[in-house]
Amino acid sequence: SHTADVAVSSHAAIFESGMLSKGDTFSYSVGPEMDGITIPYHDHMAHDYTAAIKVSSGEGQSGISEVMVTDVGHGFHPMEIVVKPGSTVKWVVEKDSKVRLISGLPPTLEHGEHGEHGEHEEHVLITLEIYP
């Protein structure tokens, strides 16, 4: 099942919100195929803010589970939420700065897979070759 894990941690493989402002909400409904999987996600506007959705038919909450997005602490409350397949995770934005919720690990943790969104600045490497 290692390939499933890789897909889940890939950037935006599961869900991707638009740009959210204070007072906005974003919801993601967990599919039945996600049982037993932990879905990492992050705020694309603040890469340090990472959290996870753990999907468990045994111990998860059903219905709608809310996650607050704030300026306090690590940004997401709770940082790990445990839900049943078929339930919904609803983020409520309470911070003043913009938020963009994207599943997967932040690009910095992805071993160079970023660049697909075109909004990361390009890093140009200039190689100087010195001839004798």
Protein backbone atom coordinates (compact mmCIF):
# COMPACT_ATOMS: atom_id res chain seq x y z
CA SER A 1 0.00 0.00 0.00
CA HIS A 2 3.03 2.25 -0.23
CA THR A 3 1.88 3.73 -3.54
CA ALA A 4 -1.34 4.86 -1.90
CA ASP A 5 0.64 6.67 0.77
CA VAL A 6 2.74 8.44 -1.84
CA ALA A 7 -0.36 9.56 -3.72
CA VAL A 8 -1.99 10.85 -0.54
CA SER A 9 1.04 12.93 0.42
CA SER A 10 1.42 14.33 -3.11
CA HIS A 11 0.65 18.00 -3.50
CA ALA A 12 -3.10 18.63 -4.02
CA ALA A 13 -3.80 14.96 -4.82
CA ILE A 14 -6.93 14.83 -2.65
CA PHE A 15 -8.27 18.36 -2.25
CA GLU A 16 -7.34 21.96 -2.91
CA SER A 17 -9.28 25.02 -1.82
CA GLY A 18 -9.33 28.33 -3.55
CA MET A 19 -8.06 31.42 -1.76
CA LEU A 20 -9.93 31.78 1.53
CA SER A 21 -10.39 34.88 3.67
CA LYS A 22 -11.53 35.42 7.22
CA GLY A 23 -15.05 34.08 7.64
CA ASP A 24 -14.80 31.67 4.71
CA THR A 25 -15.25 27.92 5.03
CA PHE A 26 -14.03 25.00 2.94
CA SER A 27 -15.36 21.46 3.16
CA TYR A 28 -13.97 18.12 2.01
CA SER A 29 -16.02 14.91 2.08
CA VAL A 30 -13.96 11.84 2.87
CA GLY A 31 -14.54 8.99 0.44
CA PRO A 32 -15.05 5.36 1.52
CA GLU A 33 -11.76 4.38 -0.12
CA MET A 34 -9.85 6.55 2.37
CA ASP A 35 -10.46 4.26 5.36
CA GLY A 36 -7.26 3.64 7.28
CA ILE A 37 -5.38 6.45 5.54
CA THR A 38 -3.98 9.60 7.11
CA ILE A 39 -4.20 12.61 4.76
CA PRO A 40 -1.62 15.31 5.48
CA TYR A 41 -2.49 18.85 4.43
CA HIS A 42 -1.12 22.36 4.78
CA ASP A 43 -1.87 26.02 4.34
CA HIS A 44 -0.23 26.94 1.05
CA MET A 45 0.14 30.53 2.21
CA ALA A 46 2.02 29.46 5.35
CA HIS A 47 3.97 26.30 4.62
CA ASP A 48 4.92 25.76 8.26
CA TYR A 49 1.30 25.11 9.12
CA THR A 50 0.69 21.41 8.54
CA ALA A 51 -1.98 19.13 9.95
CA ALA A 52 -3.63 15.81 9.18
CA ILE A 53 -6.95 14.07 8.71
CA LYS A 54 -6.88 10.50 10.01
CA VAL A 55 -9.62 8.36 8.47
CA SER A 56 -10.82 5.51 10.65
CA SER A 57 -14.14 3.71 10.42
CA GLY A 58 -13.52 2.43 13.94
CA GLU A 59 -12.65 5.54 15.95
CA GLY A 60 -13.52 8.41 13.63
CA GLN A 61 -16.26 11.00 14.06
CA SER A 62 -19.15 10.93 11.62
CA GLY A 63 -21.02 13.92 10.27
CA ILE A 64 -19.22 17.25 10.00
CA SER A 65 -16.00 17.84 11.93
CA GLU A 66 -14.77 21.42 12.09
CA VAL A 67 -11.16 22.58 12.03
CA MET A 68 -10.47 26.19 12.96
CA VAL A 69 -7.77 28.00 10.99
CA THR A 70 -6.33 30.69 13.24
CA ASP A 71 -3.21 32.72 13.94
CA VAL A 72 -2.80 30.97 17.28
CA GLY A 73 -0.22 28.27 17.82
CA HIS A 74 0.25 26.02 14.82
CA GLY A 75 -2.67 27.42 12.84
CA PHE A 76 -5.00 24.41 12.78
CA HIS A 77 -7.21 23.36 15.69
CA PRO A 78 -7.27 20.43 16.07
CA MET A 79 -4.02 19.62 14.26
CA GLU A 80 -5.08 16.02 13.78
CA ILE A 81 -8.73 15.20 13.29
CA VAL A 82 -10.06 11.63 13.22
CA VAL A 83 -13.11 11.05 11.03
CA LYS A 84 -15.06 8.17 9.54
CA PRO A 85 -15.17 7.54 5.78
CA GLY A 86 -18.17 9.38 4.36
CA SER A 87 -17.88 12.21 6.87
CA THR A 88 -17.03 15.83 6.08
CA VAL A 89 -14.18 17.99 7.29
CA LYS A 90 -15.08 21.68 7.38
CA TRP A 91 -12.43 24.35 7.83
CA VAL A 92 -13.46 27.70 9.28
CA VAL A 93 -11.03 30.55 8.60
CA GLU A 94 -10.58 32.89 11.55
CA LYS A 95 -7.29 34.51 10.64
CA ASP A 96 -6.79 37.84 8.92
CA SER A 97 -4.33 36.65 6.30
CA LYS A 98 -5.29 34.59 3.27
CA VAL A 99 -5.49 30.82 3.53
CA ARG A 100 -5.29 28.16 0.83
CA LEU A 101 -5.81 24.58 2.00
CA ILE A 102 -4.07 21.89 0.00
CA SER A 103 -3.76 18.20 0.73
CA GLY A 104 -0.32 16.66 0.84
CA LEU A 105 2.90 17.86 2.36
CA PRO A 106 4.22 21.37 1.76
CA PRO A 107 6.43 21.62 -1.35
CA THR A 108 9.49 22.07 0.85
CA LEU A 109 9.03 18.52 2.13
CA GLU A 110 8.36 17.03 -1.27
CA HIS A 111 11.87 16.56 -2.66
CA GLY A 112 11.55 18.99 -5.52
CA GLU A 113 8.12 18.06 -6.86
CA HIS A 114 6.90 21.65 -6.72
CA GLY A 115 6.63 24.08 -9.59
CA GLU A 116 3.36 22.71 -10.93
CA HIS A 117 1.33 25.69 -9.74
CA GLY A 118 3.47 28.39 -11.30
CA GLU A 119 3.19 30.56 -8.22
CA HIS A 120 6.45 29.51 -6.63
CA GLU A 121 9.30 31.77 -7.54
CA GLU A 122 11.76 30.16 -9.90
CA HIS A 123 15.16 29.37 -8.49
CA VAL A 124 17.73 29.77 -11.23
CA LEU A 125 21.05 28.06 -10.69
CA ILE A 126 23.95 29.75 -12.44
CA THR A 127 26.98 27.56 -12.89
CA LEU A 128 30.31 29.24 -13.47
CA GLU A 129 32.77 27.11 -15.30
CA ILE A 130 36.38 28.13 -14.86
CA TYR A 131 38.73 26.95 -17.54
CA PRO A 132 42.46 26.69 -16.87
